[in-house]
């Protein structure tokens, strides 16, 4: 069965947005639970937790989910609010510039996040 129904209709973006939200929510609950169960948290115990490969993988998956969630959300905002109706012919150029800036920022956050999580 072909998966053409996932293309260009927003379904794939909707699924990615929802799955990334679930991952972000799970990570948030886990971090909050960790803070609650470790009230006297210090750097060494924090570092010990993040040296675990499982925590690093969970953090990396969450970071990827955050980047995907951010891209879809920002793309939606840009294409909804920077339109020819408001800006005329310059809208497409401004959309492109905004999208490239956001892509650059997301790539920066992704590289920085990988560096932080894997260099602890």
C-alpha atoms as a PDB file:
ATOM      1  CA  UNK A   1       0.000   0.000   0.000  1.00  0.00           C
ATOM      2  CA  UNK A   2       1.389   3.355  -0.989  1.00  0.00           C
ATOM      3  CA  UNK A   3       1.600   6.095   1.594  1.00  0.00           C
ATOM      4  CA  UNK A   4       0.579   8.899  -0.774  1.00  0.00           C
ATOM      5  CA  UNK A   5      -2.130   9.964   1.649  1.00  0.00           C
ATOM      6  CA  UNK A   6       0.648  11.266   3.935  1.00  0.00           C
ATOM      7  CA  UNK A   7       1.994  13.670   1.324  1.00  0.00           C
ATOM      8  CA  UNK A   8       1.035  17.292   0.849  1.00  0.00           C
ATOM      9  CA  UNK A   9      -2.156  17.142   2.804  1.00  0.00           C
ATOM     10  CA  UNK A  10      -0.815  18.058   6.208  1.00  0.00           C
ATOM     11  CA  UNK A  11      -1.350  14.596   7.681  1.00  0.00           C
ATOM     12  CA  UNK A  12       2.346  13.851   8.079  1.00  0.00           C
ATOM     13  CA  UNK A  13       2.961  17.224   9.719  1.00  0.00           C
ATOM     14  CA  UNK A  14      -0.007  16.691  12.020  1.00  0.00           C
ATOM     15  CA  UNK A  15       1.299  13.247  13.049  1.00  0.00           C
ATOM     16  CA  UNK A  16       4.847  14.533  13.608  1.00  0.00           C
ATOM     17  CA  UNK A  17       3.532  17.482  15.635  1.00  0.00           C
ATOM     18  CA  UNK A  18       1.446  15.177  17.858  1.00  0.00           C
ATOM     19  CA  UNK A  19       4.171  12.540  18.315  1.00  0.00           C
ATOM     20  CA  UNK A  20       6.770  15.170  19.130  1.00  0.00           C
ATOM     21  CA  UNK A  21       4.366  16.713  21.658  1.00  0.00           C
ATOM     22  CA  UNK A  22       4.000  13.300  23.336  1.00  0.00           C
ATOM     23  CA  UNK A  23       7.798  12.892  23.501  1.00  0.00           C
ATOM     24  CA  UNK A  24       8.216  16.434  24.866  1.00  0.00           C
ATOM     25  CA  UNK A  25       5.510  15.799  27.456  1.00  0.00           C
ATOM     26  CA  UNK A  26       7.068  12.507  28.546  1.00  0.00           C
ATOM     27  CA  UNK A  27      10.484  14.122  28.902  1.00  0.00           C
ATOM     28  CA  UNK A  28       9.011  16.997  30.902  1.00  0.00           C
ATOM     29  CA  UNK A  29       7.243  14.593  33.262  1.00  0.00           C
ATOM     30  CA  UNK A  30      10.454  12.577  33.648  1.00  0.00           C
ATOM     31  CA  UNK A  31      12.582  15.676  34.407  1.00  0.00           C
ATOM     32  CA  UNK A  32      10.022  17.056  36.867  1.00  0.00           C
ATOM     33  CA  UNK A  33       9.781  13.643  38.535  1.00  0.00           C
ATOM     34  CA  UNK A  34      13.561  13.532  38.813  1.00  0.00           C
ATOM     35  CA  UNK A  35      13.660  16.975  40.448  1.00  0.00           C
ATOM     36  CA  UNK A  36      10.890  16.033  42.876  1.00  0.00           C
ATOM     37  CA  UNK A  37      12.510  12.735  43.887  1.00  0.00           C
ATOM     38  CA  UNK A  38      15.975  14.317  44.240  1.00  0.00           C
ATOM     39  CA  UNK A  39      15.414  17.522  46.257  1.00  0.00           C
ATOM     40  CA  UNK A  40      19.114  17.851  47.144  1.00  0.00           C
ATOM     41  CA  UNK A  41      20.362  17.632  43.591  1.00  0.00           C
ATOM     42  CA  UNK A  42      23.965  18.576  42.962  1.00  0.00           C
ATOM     43  CA  UNK A  43      26.129  18.678  39.864  1.00  0.00           C
ATOM     44  CA  UNK A  44      27.686  15.246  40.402  1.00  0.00           C
ATOM     45  CA  UNK A  45      24.345  13.432  40.706  1.00  0.00           C
ATOM     46  CA  UNK A  46      23.001  15.363  37.708  1.00  0.00           C
ATOM     47  CA  UNK A  47      26.089  14.413  35.708  1.00  0.00           C
ATOM     48  CA  UNK A  48      25.790  10.774  36.770  1.00  0.00           C
ATOM     49  CA  UNK A  49      22.212  10.629  35.519  1.00  0.00           C
ATOM     50  CA  UNK A  50      23.125  12.166  32.151  1.00  0.00           C
ATOM     51  CA  UNK A  51      26.072   9.805  31.682  1.00  0.00           C
ATOM     52  CA  UNK A  52      23.566   6.996  31.264  1.00  0.00           C
ATOM     53  CA  UNK A  53      23.218   6.036  27.577  1.00  0.00           C
ATOM     54  CA  UNK A  54      19.459   5.620  28.036  1.00  0.00           C
ATOM     55  CA  UNK A  55      19.067   9.186  29.344  1.00  0.00           C
ATOM     56  CA  UNK A  56      21.272  10.550  26.575  1.00  0.00           C
ATOM     57  CA  UNK A  57      19.237   8.748  23.923  1.00  0.00           C
ATOM     58  CA  UNK A  58      15.960   9.925  25.510  1.00  0.00           C
ATOM     59  CA  UNK A  59      17.338  13.475  25.601  1.00  0.00           C
ATOM     60  CA  UNK A  60      18.495  13.248  21.979  1.00  0.00           C
ATOM     61  CA  UNK A  61      15.112  11.916  20.796  1.00  0.00           C
ATOM     62  CA  UNK A  62      13.447  14.747  22.719  1.00  0.00           C
ATOM     63  CA  UNK A  63      15.776  17.268  21.093  1.00  0.00           C
ATOM     64  CA  UNK A  64      14.916  15.905  17.633  1.00  0.00           C
ATOM     65  CA  UNK A  65      11.225  16.050  18.567  1.00  0.00           C
ATOM     66  CA  UNK A  66      11.627  19.634  19.756  1.00  0.00           C
ATOM     67  CA  UNK A  67      13.317  20.641  16.498  1.00  0.00           C
ATOM     68  CA  UNK A  68      10.595  18.965  14.396  1.00  0.00           C
ATOM     69  CA  UNK A  69       7.859  20.507  16.537  1.00  0.00           C
ATOM     70  CA  UNK A  70       9.499  23.920  16.281  1.00  0.00           C
ATOM     71  CA  UNK A  71       9.918  23.705  12.501  1.00  0.00           C
ATOM     72  CA  UNK A  72       6.323  22.672  11.820  1.00  0.00           C
ATOM     73  CA  UNK A  73       4.962  25.312  14.186  1.00  0.00           C
ATOM     74  CA  UNK A  74       7.088  28.113  12.799  1.00  0.00           C
ATOM     75  CA  UNK A  75       6.472  27.085   9.185  1.00  0.00           C
ATOM     76  CA  UNK A  76       2.740  27.221   9.887  1.00  0.00           C
ATOM     77  CA  UNK A  77       2.970  30.665  11.480  1.00  0.00           C
ATOM     78  CA  UNK A  78       5.132  32.034   8.660  1.00  0.00           C
ATOM     79  CA  UNK A  79       2.921  30.731   5.873  1.00  0.00           C
ATOM     80  CA  UNK A  80      -0.253  31.851   7.668  1.00  0.00           C
ATOM     81  CA  UNK A  81       0.820  35.379   8.559  1.00  0.00           C
ATOM     82  CA  UNK A  82       3.336  36.445   5.920  1.00  0.00           C
ATOM     83  CA  UNK A  83       1.013  36.458   2.925  1.00  0.00           C
ATOM     84  CA  UNK A  84       0.611  38.403  -0.318  1.00  0.00           C
ATOM     85  CA  UNK A  85      -2.604  39.796   1.125  1.00  0.00           C
ATOM     86  CA  UNK A  86      -0.597  41.707   3.729  1.00  0.00           C
ATOM     87  CA  UNK A  87       2.733  42.278   1.985  1.00  0.00           C
ATOM     88  CA  UNK A  88       2.106  41.993  -1.721  1.00  0.00           C
ATOM     89  CA  UNK A  89       4.764  40.401  -3.921  1.00  0.00           C
ATOM     90  CA  UNK A  90       7.443  40.652  -1.238  1.00  0.00           C
ATOM     91  CA  UNK A  91       5.685  37.996   0.856  1.00  0.00           C
ATOM     92  CA  UNK A  92       7.309  35.006  -0.851  1.00  0.00           C
ATOM     93  CA  UNK A  93      10.798  36.468  -0.429  1.00  0.00           C
ATOM     94  CA  UNK A  94      10.138  37.337   3.202  1.00  0.00           C
ATOM     95  CA  UNK A  95       8.729  33.840   3.811  1.00  0.00           C
ATOM     96  CA  UNK A  96      11.896  32.327   2.345  1.00  0.00           C
ATOM     97  CA  UNK A  97      14.184  34.542   4.429  1.00  0.00           C
ATOM     98  CA  UNK A  98      12.245  33.770   7.622  1.00  0.00           C
ATOM     99  CA  UNK A  99      12.235  30.051   6.898  1.00  0.00           C
ATOM    100  CA  UNK A 100      15.983  30.007   6.215  1.00  0.00           C
ATOM    101  CA  UNK A 101      16.632  31.935   9.426  1.00  0.00           C
ATOM    102  CA  UNK A 102      14.533  29.488  11.418  1.00  0.00           C
ATOM    103  CA  UNK A 103      16.218  26.491   9.776  1.00  0.00           C
ATOM    104  CA  UNK A 104      19.625  27.956  10.685  1.00  0.00           C
ATOM    105  CA  UNK A 105      18.487  28.525  14.272  1.00  0.00           C
ATOM    106  CA  UNK A 106      17.084  24.998  14.556  1.00  0.00           C
ATOM    107  CA  UNK A 107      20.316  23.510  13.190  1.00  0.00           C
ATOM    108  CA  UNK A 108      22.291  25.603  15.692  1.00  0.00           C
ATOM    109  CA  UNK A 109      20.077  24.393  18.572  1.00  0.00           C
ATOM    110  CA  UNK A 110      20.393  20.800  17.398  1.00  0.00           C
ATOM    111  CA  UNK A 111      24.196  20.931  17.197  1.00  0.00           C
ATOM    112  CA  UNK A 112      24.433  22.749  20.520  1.00  0.00           C
ATOM    113  CA  UNK A 113      22.066  20.263  22.175  1.00  0.00           C
ATOM    114  CA  UNK A 114      24.009  17.270  20.868  1.00  0.00           C
ATOM    115  CA  UNK A 115      27.222  18.844  22.124  1.00  0.00           C
ATOM    116  CA  UNK A 116      25.727  19.469  25.584  1.00  0.00           C
ATOM    117  CA  UNK A 117      24.121  16.032  25.988  1.00  0.00           C
ATOM    118  CA  UNK A 118      27.037  13.996  24.685  1.00  0.00           C
ATOM    119  CA  UNK A 119      29.892  15.941  26.285  1.00  0.00           C
ATOM    120  CA  UNK A 120      28.737  15.844  29.896  1.00  0.00           C
END
